[in-house]
Each structure stands twice: as C-alpha cells, then as structure tokens.
Amino acid sequence: DSIAPGLGDDVPYSEGLQIGYRNTNFQAAYPFGFGLTYTTFSYSKAILENCTKPCIAKIRTTVTNTGNGTAPAVLQLYLSMPMVAGQP
C-alpha cells in the first residue's frame, strides 16, 4: 500500500480514499482493536443518547478493567461514509 514516486514536482494521486486501511487490498500487521496491554477489559453495550447542538451524536459505554494489571483503555470509534457517498 504505497503511492509510487512521481516525476519532478508531479505526483499522480488517483486512489481517492482507497488508501491505508480503507483499501480492500491492505494487509495490516494487526487488526483494528488489537491492543497490546498487560490486562483485559470488558465493555458494556454502547448506547446512543440524545444530545443538543452542536453535538451530532453521543455514545455511552462503560469500560471495566477485568484483569490483574493496572492500565488505561482508549476507546476508538470507526465510522464510514454512507454507500450513497460512493466512497469506501
């Protein structure tokens, strides 16, 4: 998954959003959500809550350290464009 070098100052970039993990041919070293840690966590079901402008969405979940070690957890939310957008 790379962009070939251009000639001079011109570098053609025709991939659009088909770069990195959005490219269906991309081979990641680790899958998304593969956290390297010394403990384990559990996550409650995510709940979509109401919010007021300028908020667009509010999602709540509870993270519990279920392992023996002390460690932080960083939640990540991955969104995608709707199919009608024509983007991956």
PDB file of N, CA and C in Angstrom:
ATOM      1  N   ASP A   1       0.848  -1.172   0.000  1.00  0.00           N
ATOM      2  CA  ASP A   1       0.000   0.000   0.000  1.00  0.00           C
ATOM      3  C   ASP A   1       0.889   1.229   0.000  1.00  0.00           C
ATOM      4  N   SER A   2       1.224   1.672  -1.184  1.00  0.00           N
ATOM      5  CA  SER A   2       2.094   2.832  -1.285  1.00  0.00           C
ATOM      6  C   SER A   2       1.754   3.628  -2.536  1.00  0.00           C
ATOM      7  N   ILE A   3       2.176   4.861  -2.545  1.00  0.00           N
ATOM      8  CA  ILE A   3       1.998   5.726  -3.704  1.00  0.00           C
ATOM      9  C   ILE A   3       3.340   5.794  -4.413  1.00  0.00           C
ATOM     10  N   ALA A   4       3.333   5.445  -5.670  1.00  0.00           N
ATOM     11  CA  ALA A   4       4.589   5.437  -6.432  1.00  0.00           C
ATOM     12  C   ALA A   4       5.150   6.854  -6.528  1.00  0.00           C
ATOM     13  N   PRO A   5       6.495   6.987  -6.549  1.00  0.00           N
ATOM     14  CA  PRO A   5       7.083   8.324  -6.655  1.00  0.00           C
ATOM     15  C   PRO A   5       6.729   8.957  -7.992  1.00  0.00           C
ATOM     16  N   GLY A   6       6.584  10.274  -7.994  1.00  0.00           N
ATOM     17  CA  GLY A   6       6.273  10.993  -9.220  1.00  0.00           C
ATOM     18  C   GLY A   6       7.539  11.453  -9.908  1.00  0.00           C
ATOM     19  N   LEU A   7       7.347  12.091 -11.034  1.00  0.00           N
ATOM     20  CA  LEU A   7       8.473  12.642 -11.778  1.00  0.00           C
ATOM     21  C   LEU A   7       8.477  14.151 -11.564  1.00  0.00           C
ATOM     22  N   GLY A   8       9.559  14.681 -11.073  1.00  0.00           N
ATOM     23  CA  GLY A   8       9.639  16.113 -10.822  1.00  0.00           C
ATOM     24  C   GLY A   8       8.692  16.525  -9.702  1.00  0.00           C
ATOM     25  N   ASP A   9       7.926  17.581  -9.959  1.00  0.00           N
ATOM     26  CA  ASP A   9       7.001  18.093  -8.953  1.00  0.00           C
ATOM     27  C   ASP A   9       5.620  17.454  -9.030  1.00  0.00           C
ATOM     28  N   ASP A  10       5.387  16.584 -10.007  1.00  0.00           N
ATOM     29  CA  ASP A  10       4.068  15.981 -10.194  1.00  0.00           C
ATOM     30  C   ASP A  10       4.011  14.580  -9.605  1.00  0.00           C
ATOM     31  N   VAL A  11       3.036  14.371  -8.735  1.00  0.00           N
ATOM     32  CA  VAL A  11       2.796  13.054  -8.164  1.00  0.00           C
ATOM     33  C   VAL A  11       1.331  12.731  -8.387  1.00  0.00           C
ATOM     34  N   PRO A  12       1.033  11.811  -9.315  1.00  0.00           N
ATOM     35  CA  PRO A  12      -0.373  11.474  -9.546  1.00  0.00           C
ATOM     36  C   PRO A  12      -0.968  10.781  -8.315  1.00  0.00           C
ATOM     37  N   TYR A  13      -2.132  11.242  -7.920  1.00  0.00           N
ATOM     38  CA  TYR A  13      -2.816  10.685  -6.754  1.00  0.00           C
ATOM     39  C   TYR A  13      -4.242  10.379  -7.168  1.00  0.00           C
ATOM     40  N   SER A  14      -4.469   9.166  -7.624  1.00  0.00           N
ATOM     41  CA  SER A  14      -5.787   8.802  -8.145  1.00  0.00           C
ATOM     42  C   SER A  14      -6.499   7.799  -7.242  1.00  0.00           C
ATOM     43  N   GLU A  15      -5.927   7.486  -6.080  1.00  0.00           N
ATOM     44  CA  GLU A  15      -6.503   6.473  -5.198  1.00  0.00           C
ATOM     45  C   GLU A  15      -7.766   6.947  -4.490  1.00  0.00           C
ATOM     46  N   GLY A  16      -7.968   8.277  -4.405  1.00  0.00           N
ATOM     47  CA  GLY A  16      -9.111   8.781  -3.643  1.00  0.00           C
ATOM     48  C   GLY A  16      -8.970   8.366  -2.192  1.00  0.00           C
ATOM     49  N   LEU A  17     -10.006   7.770  -1.640  1.00  0.00           N
ATOM     50  CA  LEU A  17      -9.935   7.299  -0.251  1.00  0.00           C
ATOM     51  C   LEU A  17      -9.506   5.842  -0.150  1.00  0.00           C
ATOM     52  N   GLN A  18      -9.098   5.230  -1.261  1.00  0.00           N
ATOM     53  CA  GLN A  18      -8.653   3.836  -1.247  1.00  0.00           C
ATOM     54  C   GLN A  18      -7.189   3.746  -0.828  1.00  0.00           C
ATOM     55  N   ILE A  19      -6.869   4.306   0.331  1.00  0.00           N
ATOM     56  CA  ILE A  19      -5.510   4.257   0.852  1.00  0.00           C
ATOM     57  C   ILE A  19      -5.543   3.643   2.239  1.00  0.00           C
ATOM     58  N   GLY A  20      -4.419   3.111   2.679  1.00  0.00           N
ATOM     59  CA  GLY A  20      -4.320   2.556   4.030  1.00  0.00           C
ATOM     60  C   GLY A  20      -5.375   1.501   4.286  1.00  0.00           C
ATOM     61  N   TYR A  21      -5.966   1.532   5.476  1.00  0.00           N
ATOM     62  CA  TYR A  21      -6.928   0.515   5.883  1.00  0.00           C
ATOM     63  C   TYR A  21      -8.224   0.569   5.075  1.00  0.00           C
ATOM     64  N   ARG A  22      -8.476   1.637   4.339  1.00  0.00           N
ATOM     65  CA  ARG A  22      -9.693   1.727   3.522  1.00  0.00           C
ATOM     66  C   ARG A  22      -9.542   0.991   2.197  1.00  0.00           C
ATOM     67  N   ASN A  23      -8.328   0.621   1.854  1.00  0.00           N
ATOM     68  CA  ASN A  23      -8.080  -0.132   0.639  1.00  0.00           C
ATOM     69  C   ASN A  23      -8.387  -1.600   0.913  1.00  0.00           C
ATOM     70  N   THR A  24      -9.242  -2.199   0.102  1.00  0.00           N
ATOM     71  CA  THR A  24      -9.642  -3.594   0.333  1.00  0.00           C
ATOM     72  C   THR A  24      -8.475  -4.560   0.165  1.00  0.00           C
ATOM     73  N   ASN A  25      -7.381  -4.134  -0.445  1.00  0.00           N
ATOM     74  CA  ASN A  25      -6.196  -4.992  -0.596  1.00  0.00           C
ATOM     75  C   ASN A  25      -5.165  -4.779   0.501  1.00  0.00           C
ATOM     76  N   PHE A  26      -5.445  -3.883   1.435  1.00  0.00           N
ATOM     77  CA  PHE A  26      -4.498  -3.555   2.507  1.00  0.00           C
ATOM     78  C   PHE A  26      -4.329  -4.728   3.466  1.00  0.00           C
ATOM     79  N   GLN A  27      -3.098  -5.057   3.810  1.00  0.00           N
ATOM     80  CA  GLN A  27      -2.782  -6.116   4.760  1.00  0.00           C
ATOM     81  C   GLN A  27      -2.169  -5.485   6.018  1.00  0.00           C
ATOM     82  N   ALA A  28      -2.958  -5.372   7.070  1.00  0.00           N
ATOM     83  CA  ALA A  28      -2.476  -4.771   8.314  1.00  0.00           C
ATOM     84  C   ALA A  28      -1.659  -5.779   9.122  1.00  0.00           C
ATOM     85  N   ALA A  29      -0.684  -5.278   9.855  1.00  0.00           N
ATOM     86  CA  ALA A  29       0.110  -6.145  10.731  1.00  0.00           C
ATOM     87  C   ALA A  29      -0.749  -6.663  11.884  1.00  0.00           C
ATOM     88  N   TYR A  30      -1.654  -5.831  12.378  1.00  0.00           N
ATOM     89  CA  TYR A  30      -2.580  -6.201  13.445  1.00  0.00           C
ATOM     90  C   TYR A  30      -3.961  -5.694  13.066  1.00  0.00           C
ATOM     91  N   PRO A  31      -5.005  -6.436  13.389  1.00  0.00           N
ATOM     92  CA  PRO A  31      -6.357  -5.949  13.084  1.00  0.00           C
ATOM     93  C   PRO A  31      -6.752  -4.797  13.997  1.00  0.00           C
ATOM     94  N   PHE A  32      -7.744  -4.018  13.565  1.00  0.00           N
ATOM     95  CA  PHE A  32      -8.249  -2.949  14.416  1.00  0.00           C
ATOM     96  C   PHE A  32      -8.710  -3.530  15.739  1.00  0.00           C
ATOM     97  N   GLY A  33      -8.492  -2.790  16.800  1.00  0.00           N
ATOM     98  CA  GLY A  33      -8.916  -3.248  18.110  1.00  0.00           C
ATOM     99  C   GLY A  33      -7.918  -4.183  18.759  1.00  0.00           C
ATOM    100  N   PHE A  34      -6.804  -4.460  18.113  1.00  0.00           N
ATOM    101  CA  PHE A  34      -5.799  -5.349  18.677  1.00  0.00           C
ATOM    102  C   PHE A  34      -4.886  -4.508  19.555  1.00  0.00           C
ATOM    103  N   GLY A  35      -5.282  -4.353  20.811  1.00  0.00           N
ATOM    104  CA  GLY A  35      -4.495  -3.545  21.727  1.00  0.00           C
ATOM    105  C   GLY A  35      -3.445  -4.389  22.430  1.00  0.00           C
ATOM    106  N   LEU A  36      -2.258  -3.875  22.533  1.00  0.00           N
ATOM    107  CA  LEU A  36      -1.189  -4.559  23.257  1.00  0.00           C
ATOM    108  C   LEU A  36      -1.199  -4.030  24.682  1.00  0.00           C
ATOM    109  N   THR A  37      -1.607  -4.855  25.633  1.00  0.00           N
ATOM    110  CA  THR A  37      -1.729  -4.426  27.016  1.00  0.00           C
ATOM    111  C   THR A  37      -1.397  -5.590  27.944  1.00  0.00           C
ATOM    112  N   TYR A  38      -1.272  -5.298  29.222  1.00  0.00           N
ATOM    113  CA  TYR A  38      -0.949  -6.325  30.210  1.00  0.00           C
ATOM    114  C   TYR A  38      -2.157  -6.706  31.044  1.00  0.00           C
ATOM    115  N   THR A  39      -3.331  -6.341  30.590  1.00  0.00           N
ATOM    116  CA  THR A  39      -4.556  -6.666  31.319  1.00  0.00           C
ATOM    117  C   THR A  39      -5.685  -6.864  30.314  1.00  0.00           C
ATOM    118  N   THR A  40      -6.875  -7.084  30.794  1.00  0.00           N
ATOM    119  CA  THR A  40      -8.036  -7.254  29.920  1.00  0.00           C
ATOM    120  C   THR A  40      -9.133  -6.281  30.336  1.00  0.00           C
ATOM    121  N   PHE A  41     -10.009  -5.976  29.400  1.00  0.00           N
ATOM    122  CA  PHE A  41     -11.105  -5.046  29.652  1.00  0.00           C
ATOM    123  C   PHE A  41     -12.403  -5.637  29.150  1.00  0.00           C
ATOM    124  N   SER A  42     -13.505  -5.227  29.762  1.00  0.00           N
ATOM    125  CA  SER A  42     -14.824  -5.545  29.227  1.00  0.00           C
ATOM    126  C   SER A  42     -15.519  -4.223  28.946  1.00  0.00           C
ATOM    127  N   TYR A  43     -16.396  -4.252  27.961  1.00  0.00           N
ATOM    128  CA  TYR A  43     -17.106  -3.046  27.531  1.00  0.00           C
ATOM    129  C   TYR A  43     -18.600  -3.340  27.547  1.00  0.00           C
ATOM    130  N   SER A  44     -19.376  -2.438  28.135  1.00  0.00           N
ATOM    131  CA  SER A  44     -20.824  -2.613  28.114  1.00  0.00           C
ATOM    132  C   SER A  44     -21.345  -2.278  26.718  1.00  0.00           C
ATOM    133  N   LYS A  45     -22.581  -2.642  26.473  1.00  0.00           N
ATOM    134  CA  LYS A  45     -23.206  -2.331  25.191  1.00  0.00           C
ATOM    135  C   LYS A  45     -23.229  -0.818  24.998  1.00  0.00           C
ATOM    136  N   ALA A  46     -22.842  -0.370  23.809  1.00  0.00           N
ATOM    137  CA  ALA A  46     -22.845   1.059  23.514  1.00  0.00           C
ATOM    138  C   ALA A  46     -24.282   1.546  23.358  1.00  0.00           C
ATOM    139  N   ILE A  47     -24.568   2.698  23.950  1.00  0.00           N
ATOM    140  CA  ILE A  47     -25.908   3.280  23.906  1.00  0.00           C
ATOM    141  C   ILE A  47     -25.832   4.630  23.211  1.00  0.00           C
ATOM    142  N   LEU A  48     -26.678   4.815  22.202  1.00  0.00           N
ATOM    143  CA  LEU A  48     -26.771   6.095  21.516  1.00  0.00           C
ATOM    144  C   LEU A  48     -27.723   6.972  22.309  1.00  0.00           C
ATOM    145  N   GLU A  49     -27.215   8.130  22.765  1.00  0.00           N
ATOM    146  CA  GLU A  49     -28.014   9.035  23.593  1.00  0.00           C
ATOM    147  C   GLU A  49     -28.338  10.312  22.838  1.00  0.00           C
ATOM    148  N   ASN A  50     -29.371  10.996  23.289  1.00  0.00           N
ATOM    149  CA  ASN A  50     -29.733  12.288  22.713  1.00  0.00           C
ATOM    150  C   ASN A  50     -28.698  13.328  23.108  1.00  0.00           C
ATOM    151  N   CYS A  51     -28.495  14.288  22.234  1.00  0.00           N
ATOM    152  CA  CYS A  51     -27.600  15.399  22.553  1.00  0.00           C
ATOM    153  C   CYS A  51     -28.133  16.655  21.883  1.00  0.00           C
ATOM    154  N   THR A  52     -27.656  17.795  22.332  1.00  0.00           N
ATOM    155  CA  THR A  52     -28.113  19.066  21.767  1.00  0.00           C
ATOM    156  C   THR A  52     -27.015  19.661  20.904  1.00  0.00           C
ATOM    157  N   LYS A  53     -27.417  20.495  19.940  1.00  0.00           N
ATOM    158  CA  LYS A  53     -26.451  21.112  19.028  1.00  0.00           C
ATOM    159  C   LYS A  53     -25.405  21.884  19.807  1.00  0.00           C
ATOM    160  N   PRO A  54     -24.153  21.883  19.376  1.00  0.00           N
ATOM    161  CA  PRO A  54     -23.641  21.405  18.108  1.00  0.00           C
ATOM    162  C   PRO A  54     -23.295  19.918  18.101  1.00  0.00           C
ATOM    163  N   CYS A  55     -23.676  19.191  19.111  1.00  0.00           N
ATOM    164  CA  CYS A  55     -23.416  17.746  19.186  1.00  0.00           C
ATOM    165  C   CYS A  55     -24.172  17.028  18.069  1.00  0.00           C
ATOM    166  N   ILE A  56     -23.527  16.053  17.439  1.00  0.00           N
ATOM    167  CA  ILE A  56     -24.169  15.271  16.384  1.00  0.00           C
ATOM    168  C   ILE A  56     -24.596  13.913  16.934  1.00  0.00           C
ATOM    169  N   ALA A  57     -23.746  13.306  17.730  1.00  0.00           N
ATOM    170  CA  ALA A  57     -24.065  12.006  18.313  1.00  0.00           C
ATOM    171  C   ALA A  57     -23.368  11.878  19.657  1.00  0.00           C
ATOM    172  N   LYS A  58     -24.007  11.176  20.558  1.00  0.00           N
ATOM    173  CA  LYS A  58     -23.437  10.933  21.887  1.00  0.00           C
ATOM    174  C   LYS A  58     -23.594   9.446  22.165  1.00  0.00           C
ATOM    175  N   ILE A  59     -22.480   8.789  22.393  1.00  0.00           N
ATOM    176  CA  ILE A  59     -22.480   7.346  22.625  1.00  0.00           C
ATOM    177  C   ILE A  59     -21.870   7.085  23.988  1.00  0.00           C
ATOM    178  N   ARG A  60     -22.548   6.263  24.786  1.00  0.00           N
ATOM    179  CA  ARG A  60     -22.072   5.973  26.142  1.00  0.00           C
ATOM    180  C   ARG A  60     -21.829   4.470  26.295  1.00  0.00           C
ATOM    181  N   THR A  61     -20.738   4.130  26.959  1.00  0.00           N
ATOM    182  CA  THR A  61     -20.419   2.748  27.298  1.00  0.00           C
ATOM    183  C   THR A  61     -19.610   2.755  28.594  1.00  0.00           C
ATOM    184  N   THR A  62     -19.564   1.637  29.260  1.00  0.00           N
ATOM    185  CA  THR A  62     -18.767   1.517  30.483  1.00  0.00           C
ATOM    186  C   THR A  62     -17.601   0.566  30.221  1.00  0.00           C
ATOM    187  N   VAL A  63     -16.410   1.001  30.592  1.00  0.00           N
ATOM    188  CA  VAL A  63     -15.207   0.190  30.430  1.00  0.00           C
ATOM    189  C   VAL A  63     -14.792  -0.304  31.810  1.00  0.00           C
ATOM    190  N   THR A  64     -14.579  -1.611  31.944  1.00  0.00           N
ATOM    191  CA  THR A  64     -14.171  -2.203  33.217  1.00  0.00           C
ATOM    192  C   THR A  64     -12.877  -2.969  33.036  1.00  0.00           C
ATOM    193  N   ASN A  65     -11.901  -2.697  33.889  1.00  0.00           N
ATOM    194  CA  ASN A  65     -10.659  -3.453  33.879  1.00  0.00           C
ATOM    195  C   ASN A  65     -10.940  -4.780  34.574  1.00  0.00           C
ATOM    196  N   THR A  66     -10.939  -5.866  33.814  1.00  0.00           N
ATOM    197  CA  THR A  66     -11.246  -7.194  34.361  1.00  0.00           C
ATOM    198  C   THR A  66      -9.992  -8.020  34.621  1.00  0.00           C
ATOM    199  N   GLY A  67      -8.832  -7.433  34.383  1.00  0.00           N
ATOM    200  CA  GLY A  67      -7.587  -8.168  34.574  1.00  0.00           C
ATOM    201  C   GLY A  67      -6.920  -7.848  35.894  1.00  0.00           C
ATOM    202  N   ASN A  68      -5.726  -8.358  36.058  1.00  0.00           N
ATOM    203  CA  ASN A  68      -4.966  -8.176  37.299  1.00  0.00           C
ATOM    204  C   ASN A  68      -4.069  -6.939  37.270  1.00  0.00           C
ATOM    205  N   GLY A  69      -3.787  -6.416  36.079  1.00  0.00           N
ATOM    206  CA  GLY A  69      -2.883  -5.275  35.970  1.00  0.00           C
ATOM    207  C   GLY A  69      -3.632  -3.958  35.883  1.00  0.00           C
ATOM    208  N   THR A  70      -2.939  -2.885  36.250  1.00  0.00           N
ATOM    209  CA  THR A  70      -3.499  -1.539  36.120  1.00  0.00           C
ATOM    210  C   THR A  70      -3.078  -0.987  34.771  1.00  0.00           C
ATOM    211  N   ALA A  71      -4.048  -0.524  34.011  1.00  0.00           N
ATOM    212  CA  ALA A  71      -3.740   0.023  32.684  1.00  0.00           C
ATOM    213  C   ALA A  71      -4.901   0.874  32.211  1.00  0.00           C
ATOM    214  N   PRO A  72      -4.617   1.847  31.351  1.00  0.00           N
ATOM    215  CA  PRO A  72      -5.699   2.650  30.773  1.00  0.00           C
ATOM    216  C   PRO A  72      -6.262   1.958  29.533  1.00  0.00           C
ATOM    217  N   ALA A  73      -7.458   2.334  29.159  1.00  0.00           N
ATOM    218  CA  ALA A  73      -8.060   1.867  27.910  1.00  0.00           C
ATOM    219  C   ALA A  73      -8.457   3.092  27.099  1.00  0.00           C
ATOM    220  N   VAL A  74      -8.162   3.073  25.824  1.00  0.00           N
ATOM    221  CA  VAL A  74      -8.541   4.166  24.933  1.00  0.00           C
ATOM    222  C   VAL A  74      -9.562   3.611  23.946  1.00  0.00           C
ATOM    223  N   LEU A  75     -10.785   4.093  24.050  1.00  0.00           N
ATOM    224  CA  LEU A  75     -11.830   3.651  23.134  1.00  0.00           C
ATOM    225  C   LEU A  75     -11.685   4.356  21.805  1.00  0.00           C
ATOM    226  N   GLN A  76     -11.954   3.623  20.730  1.00  0.00           N
ATOM    227  CA  GLN A  76     -11.906   4.206  19.399  1.00  0.00           C
ATOM    228  C   GLN A  76     -13.197   3.855  18.681  1.00  0.00           C
ATOM    229  N   LEU A  77     -13.731   4.804  17.955  1.00  0.00           N
ATOM    230  CA  LEU A  77     -14.961   4.614  17.202  1.00  0.00           C
ATOM    231  C   LEU A  77     -14.639   4.801  15.736  1.00  0.00           C
ATOM    232  N   TYR A  78     -14.974   3.815  14.914  1.00  0.00           N
ATOM    233  CA  TYR A  78     -14.706   3.881  13.487  1.00  0.00           C
ATOM    234  C   TYR A  78     -16.021   4.058  12.745  1.00  0.00           C
ATOM    235  N   LEU A  79     -16.092   5.094  11.933  1.00  0.00           N
ATOM    236  CA  LEU A  79     -17.285   5.402  11.154  1.00  0.00           C
ATOM    237  C   LEU A  79     -16.956   5.269   9.679  1.00  0.00           C
ATOM    238  N   SER A  80     -17.980   5.080   8.880  1.00  0.00           N
ATOM    239  CA  SER A  80     -17.766   5.013   7.444  1.00  0.00           C
ATOM    240  C   SER A  80     -18.783   5.898   6.746  1.00  0.00           C
ATOM    241  N   MET A  81     -18.462   6.243   5.527  1.00  0.00           N
ATOM    242  CA  MET A  81     -19.361   7.054   4.717  1.00  0.00           C
ATOM    243  C   MET A  81     -20.552   6.197   4.297  1.00  0.00           C
ATOM    244  N   PRO A  82     -21.729   6.795   4.125  1.00  0.00           N
ATOM    245  CA  PRO A  82     -22.871   6.028   3.619  1.00  0.00           C
ATOM    246  C   PRO A  82     -22.591   5.571   2.179  1.00  0.00           C
ATOM    247  N   MET A  83     -23.180   4.461   1.774  1.00  0.00           N
ATOM    248  CA  MET A  83     -22.941   3.898   0.436  1.00  0.00           C
ATOM    249  C   MET A  83     -23.252   4.913  -0.665  1.00  0.00           C
ATOM    250  N   VAL A  84     -24.256   5.760  -0.469  1.00  0.00           N
ATOM    251  CA  VAL A  84     -24.629   6.734  -1.498  1.00  0.00           C
ATOM    252  C   VAL A  84     -23.524   7.758  -1.750  1.00  0.00           C
ATOM    253  N   ALA A  85     -22.565   7.879  -0.820  1.00  0.00           N
ATOM    254  CA  ALA A  85     -21.457   8.821  -0.998  1.00  0.00           C
ATOM    255  C   ALA A  85     -20.463   8.324  -2.044  1.00  0.00           C
ATOM    256  N   GLY A  86     -20.485   7.021  -2.350  1.00  0.00           N
ATOM    257  CA  GLY A  86     -19.575   6.478  -3.343  1.00  0.00           C
ATOM    258  C   GLY A  86     -18.138   6.419  -2.880  1.00  0.00           C
ATOM    259  N   GLN A  87     -17.926   6.428  -1.582  1.00  0.00           N
ATOM    260  CA  GLN A  87     -16.576   6.369  -1.017  1.00  0.00           C
ATOM    261  C   GLN A  87     -16.471   5.139  -0.127  1.00  0.00           C
ATOM    262  N   PRO A  88     -15.260   4.625   0.054  1.00  0.00           N
ATOM    263  CA  PRO A  88     -15.109   3.437   0.918  1.00  0.00           C
ATOM    264  C   PRO A  88     -15.346   3.767   2.378  1.00  0.00           C
TER     265      PRO A  88
END
